């Protein structure tokens, strides 16, 4: 059962990462631009880390979520929207 939980979590991380990518693109920002804005706000993150988040290969930290929400001017629901449909 624990192994299944890891798979589900990975799937959800990919969905959330894709949401961030779509929101970033909708805001007209590159990964580099988002990383720079996060850095200016005190978040130690690189463009490479943004890319990994967007494909679900890196976990998000709470401070990153707060700042991404503010920078992209979106709601938490926009970031965490996951659908059970495939």
N, C-alpha and C. Protein backbone atom coordinates (compact mmCIF):
# COMPACT_ATOMS: atom_id res chain seq x y z
N UNK A 1 0.82 -1.20 0.00
CA UNK A 1 0.00 0.00 0.00
C UNK A 1 0.86 1.26 0.00
N UNK A 2 1.95 1.23 0.70
CA UNK A 2 2.83 2.39 0.74
C UNK A 2 3.37 2.69 -0.65
N UNK A 3 3.72 1.67 -1.40
CA UNK A 3 4.23 1.89 -2.75
C UNK A 3 3.18 2.56 -3.63
N UNK A 4 1.93 2.16 -3.50
CA UNK A 4 0.85 2.79 -4.26
C UNK A 4 0.69 4.26 -3.90
N UNK A 5 0.88 4.58 -2.63
CA UNK A 5 0.79 5.98 -2.20
C UNK A 5 1.85 6.82 -2.88
N UNK A 6 3.04 6.26 -3.05
CA UNK A 6 4.12 6.98 -3.70
C UNK A 6 3.76 7.27 -5.16
N UNK A 7 3.16 6.30 -5.83
CA UNK A 7 2.75 6.48 -7.22
C UNK A 7 1.69 7.57 -7.32
N UNK A 8 0.71 7.54 -6.43
CA UNK A 8 -0.34 8.55 -6.44
C UNK A 8 0.27 9.93 -6.18
N UNK A 9 1.14 10.04 -5.20
CA UNK A 9 1.77 11.32 -4.90
C UNK A 9 2.55 11.83 -6.10
N UNK A 10 3.26 10.96 -6.78
CA UNK A 10 4.01 11.35 -7.96
C UNK A 10 3.07 11.86 -9.05
N UNK A 11 1.95 11.19 -9.22
CA UNK A 11 0.96 11.61 -10.22
C UNK A 11 0.42 13.00 -9.88
N UNK A 12 0.09 13.22 -8.62
CA UNK A 12 -0.43 14.51 -8.19
C UNK A 12 0.62 15.60 -8.35
N UNK A 13 1.87 15.29 -8.02
CA UNK A 13 2.94 16.28 -8.19
C UNK A 13 3.09 16.67 -9.66
N UNK A 14 2.93 15.71 -10.55
CA UNK A 14 3.00 16.02 -11.99
C UNK A 14 1.85 16.93 -12.40
N UNK A 15 0.65 16.66 -11.89
CA UNK A 15 -0.50 17.50 -12.21
C UNK A 15 -0.31 18.92 -11.69
N UNK A 16 0.14 19.06 -10.46
CA UNK A 16 0.37 20.38 -9.87
C UNK A 16 1.48 21.10 -10.62
N UNK A 17 2.53 20.39 -10.95
CA UNK A 17 3.63 20.98 -11.72
C UNK A 17 3.15 21.48 -13.07
N UNK A 18 2.30 20.70 -13.73
CA UNK A 18 1.76 21.11 -15.02
C UNK A 18 0.87 22.34 -14.85
N UNK A 19 0.09 22.39 -13.76
CA UNK A 19 -0.72 23.58 -13.48
C UNK A 19 0.16 24.82 -13.38
N UNK A 20 1.28 24.69 -12.67
CA UNK A 20 2.19 25.82 -12.50
C UNK A 20 2.76 26.24 -13.86
N UNK A 21 3.12 25.26 -14.68
CA UNK A 21 3.63 25.57 -16.01
C UNK A 21 2.60 26.35 -16.82
N UNK A 22 1.36 25.87 -16.84
CA UNK A 22 0.31 26.53 -17.60
C UNK A 22 0.03 27.94 -17.08
N UNK A 23 0.02 28.10 -15.76
CA UNK A 23 -0.21 29.41 -15.16
C UNK A 23 0.95 30.36 -15.47
N UNK A 24 2.17 29.84 -15.43
CA UNK A 24 3.35 30.65 -15.74
C UNK A 24 3.29 31.12 -17.20
N UNK A 25 2.97 30.19 -18.10
CA UNK A 25 2.88 30.54 -19.52
C UNK A 25 1.75 31.54 -19.76
N UNK A 26 0.62 31.35 -19.09
CA UNK A 26 -0.50 32.28 -19.23
C UNK A 26 -0.10 33.68 -18.78
N UNK A 27 0.78 33.75 -17.77
CA UNK A 27 1.27 35.04 -17.27
C UNK A 27 2.35 35.63 -18.18
N UNK A 28 2.74 34.88 -19.23
CA UNK A 28 3.75 35.36 -20.17
C UNK A 28 5.16 35.34 -19.60
N UNK A 29 5.41 34.42 -18.69
CA UNK A 29 6.72 34.33 -18.04
C UNK A 29 7.47 33.08 -18.48
N UNK A 30 8.78 33.21 -18.58
CA UNK A 30 9.64 32.05 -18.81
C UNK A 30 9.99 31.44 -17.45
N UNK A 31 10.57 30.26 -17.49
CA UNK A 31 11.05 29.64 -16.25
C UNK A 31 12.11 30.53 -15.61
N UNK A 32 12.97 31.11 -16.43
CA UNK A 32 14.03 31.99 -15.94
C UNK A 32 13.44 33.22 -15.23
N UNK A 33 12.40 33.78 -15.81
CA UNK A 33 11.76 34.96 -15.21
C UNK A 33 11.12 34.61 -13.86
N UNK A 34 10.43 33.48 -13.81
CA UNK A 34 9.80 33.07 -12.55
C UNK A 34 10.86 32.81 -11.49
N UNK A 35 11.93 32.12 -11.87
CA UNK A 35 13.01 31.84 -10.91
C UNK A 35 13.61 33.15 -10.40
N UNK A 36 13.81 34.12 -11.28
CA UNK A 36 14.39 35.40 -10.88
C UNK A 36 13.48 36.12 -9.89
N UNK A 37 12.18 36.12 -10.16
CA UNK A 37 11.23 36.78 -9.26
C UNK A 37 11.19 36.08 -7.90
N UNK A 38 11.28 34.76 -7.92
CA UNK A 38 11.32 34.01 -6.66
C UNK A 38 12.61 34.34 -5.89
N UNK A 39 13.71 34.43 -6.59
CA UNK A 39 15.00 34.75 -5.96
C UNK A 39 14.96 36.13 -5.32
N UNK A 40 14.42 37.10 -6.04
CA UNK A 40 14.32 38.47 -5.50
C UNK A 40 13.45 38.49 -4.24
N UNK A 41 12.50 37.57 -4.17
CA UNK A 41 11.61 37.48 -3.01
C UNK A 41 12.22 36.66 -1.88
N UNK A 42 13.48 36.23 -2.05
CA UNK A 42 14.18 35.51 -0.99
C UNK A 42 14.15 34.00 -1.08
N UNK A 43 13.69 33.48 -2.19
CA UNK A 43 13.60 32.03 -2.38
C UNK A 43 14.82 31.55 -3.17
N UNK A 44 15.56 30.62 -2.60
CA UNK A 44 16.76 30.09 -3.25
C UNK A 44 16.36 29.00 -4.23
N UNK A 45 16.12 29.39 -5.49
CA UNK A 45 15.64 28.45 -6.51
C UNK A 45 16.24 28.83 -7.86
N UNK A 46 16.43 27.83 -8.71
CA UNK A 46 17.01 28.06 -10.03
C UNK A 46 15.98 27.76 -11.12
N UNK A 47 16.30 28.13 -12.35
CA UNK A 47 15.44 27.81 -13.47
C UNK A 47 15.30 26.29 -13.61
N UNK A 48 16.39 25.59 -13.37
CA UNK A 48 16.37 24.13 -13.44
C UNK A 48 15.39 23.55 -12.42
N UNK A 49 15.34 24.13 -11.24
CA UNK A 49 14.39 23.66 -10.21
C UNK A 49 12.95 23.91 -10.66
N UNK A 50 12.70 25.05 -11.29
CA UNK A 50 11.36 25.33 -11.82
C UNK A 50 10.98 24.27 -12.84
N UNK A 51 11.91 23.94 -13.73
CA UNK A 51 11.65 22.92 -14.76
C UNK A 51 11.31 21.58 -14.10
N UNK A 52 12.05 21.22 -13.06
CA UNK A 52 11.79 19.95 -12.36
C UNK A 52 10.45 19.96 -11.66
N UNK A 53 10.08 21.09 -11.07
CA UNK A 53 8.76 21.20 -10.42
C UNK A 53 7.67 21.00 -11.46
N UNK A 54 7.83 21.62 -12.62
CA UNK A 54 6.80 21.56 -13.66
C UNK A 54 6.58 20.17 -14.22
N UNK A 55 7.56 19.30 -14.12
CA UNK A 55 7.38 17.92 -14.60
C UNK A 55 7.22 16.92 -13.45
N UNK A 56 7.12 17.44 -12.23
CA UNK A 56 6.88 16.57 -11.08
C UNK A 56 8.09 15.85 -10.56
N UNK A 57 9.30 16.33 -10.87
CA UNK A 57 10.53 15.67 -10.42
C UNK A 57 11.10 16.30 -9.15
N UNK A 58 10.48 17.38 -8.69
CA UNK A 58 10.97 18.06 -7.48
C UNK A 58 9.76 18.50 -6.67
N UNK A 59 9.87 18.32 -5.35
CA UNK A 59 8.81 18.73 -4.44
C UNK A 59 8.76 20.24 -4.33
N UNK A 60 7.60 20.75 -4.04
CA UNK A 60 7.41 22.17 -3.76
C UNK A 60 7.48 22.39 -2.26
N UNK A 61 8.09 23.48 -1.85
CA UNK A 61 8.14 23.86 -0.45
C UNK A 61 7.06 24.91 -0.19
N UNK A 62 6.55 24.97 1.04
CA UNK A 62 5.47 25.91 1.34
C UNK A 62 5.77 27.36 0.97
N UNK A 63 7.00 27.83 1.24
CA UNK A 63 7.32 29.21 0.90
C UNK A 63 7.30 29.42 -0.62
N UNK A 64 7.68 28.40 -1.38
CA UNK A 64 7.64 28.50 -2.84
C UNK A 64 6.20 28.60 -3.34
N UNK A 65 5.32 27.82 -2.74
CA UNK A 65 3.91 27.85 -3.13
C UNK A 65 3.32 29.24 -2.89
N UNK A 66 3.59 29.78 -1.71
CA UNK A 66 3.09 31.12 -1.37
C UNK A 66 3.58 32.16 -2.37
N UNK A 67 4.86 32.14 -2.68
CA UNK A 67 5.44 33.12 -3.59
C UNK A 67 4.97 32.92 -5.03
N UNK A 68 4.88 31.68 -5.48
CA UNK A 68 4.39 31.41 -6.84
C UNK A 68 2.97 31.95 -6.99
N UNK A 69 2.13 31.72 -5.97
CA UNK A 69 0.76 32.24 -5.99
C UNK A 69 0.76 33.75 -6.13
N UNK A 70 1.60 34.42 -5.37
CA UNK A 70 1.66 35.89 -5.41
C UNK A 70 2.22 36.39 -6.74
N UNK A 71 3.31 35.79 -7.19
CA UNK A 71 3.97 36.25 -8.41
C UNK A 71 3.09 36.05 -9.64
N UNK A 72 2.45 34.89 -9.72
CA UNK A 72 1.59 34.61 -10.87
C UNK A 72 0.19 35.19 -10.73
N UNK A 73 -0.10 35.73 -9.54
CA UNK A 73 -1.41 36.34 -9.26
C UNK A 73 -2.55 35.36 -9.53
N UNK A 74 -2.45 34.21 -8.88
CA UNK A 74 -3.45 33.16 -9.03
C UNK A 74 -3.96 32.75 -7.65
N UNK A 75 -4.94 31.89 -7.64
CA UNK A 75 -5.48 31.36 -6.39
C UNK A 75 -4.87 29.98 -6.12
N UNK A 76 -4.91 29.56 -4.87
CA UNK A 76 -4.40 28.23 -4.53
C UNK A 76 -5.13 27.15 -5.33
N UNK A 77 -6.42 27.36 -5.56
CA UNK A 77 -7.20 26.39 -6.32
C UNK A 77 -6.64 26.21 -7.73
N UNK A 78 -6.11 27.27 -8.30
CA UNK A 78 -5.53 27.19 -9.64
C UNK A 78 -4.27 26.30 -9.63
N UNK A 79 -3.50 26.40 -8.57
CA UNK A 79 -2.26 25.61 -8.46
C UNK A 79 -2.58 24.15 -8.16
N UNK A 80 -3.51 23.94 -7.23
CA UNK A 80 -3.77 22.58 -6.74
C UNK A 80 -4.93 21.86 -7.43
N UNK A 81 -5.42 22.41 -8.51
CA UNK A 81 -6.53 21.78 -9.23
C UNK A 81 -6.07 20.44 -9.81
N UNK A 82 -6.68 19.37 -9.36
CA UNK A 82 -6.40 18.04 -9.91
C UNK A 82 -7.73 17.38 -10.27
N UNK A 83 -7.74 16.73 -11.37
CA UNK A 83 -8.95 16.08 -11.83
C UNK A 83 -8.77 14.58 -11.77
N UNK A 84 -9.83 13.89 -11.42
CA UNK A 84 -9.76 12.41 -11.39
C UNK A 84 -9.93 11.83 -12.79
N UNK A 85 -10.26 12.68 -13.77
CA UNK A 85 -10.40 12.21 -15.15
C UNK A 85 -9.03 12.03 -15.76
N UNK A 86 -8.91 11.03 -16.64
CA UNK A 86 -7.63 10.79 -17.33
C UNK A 86 -7.74 11.12 -18.78
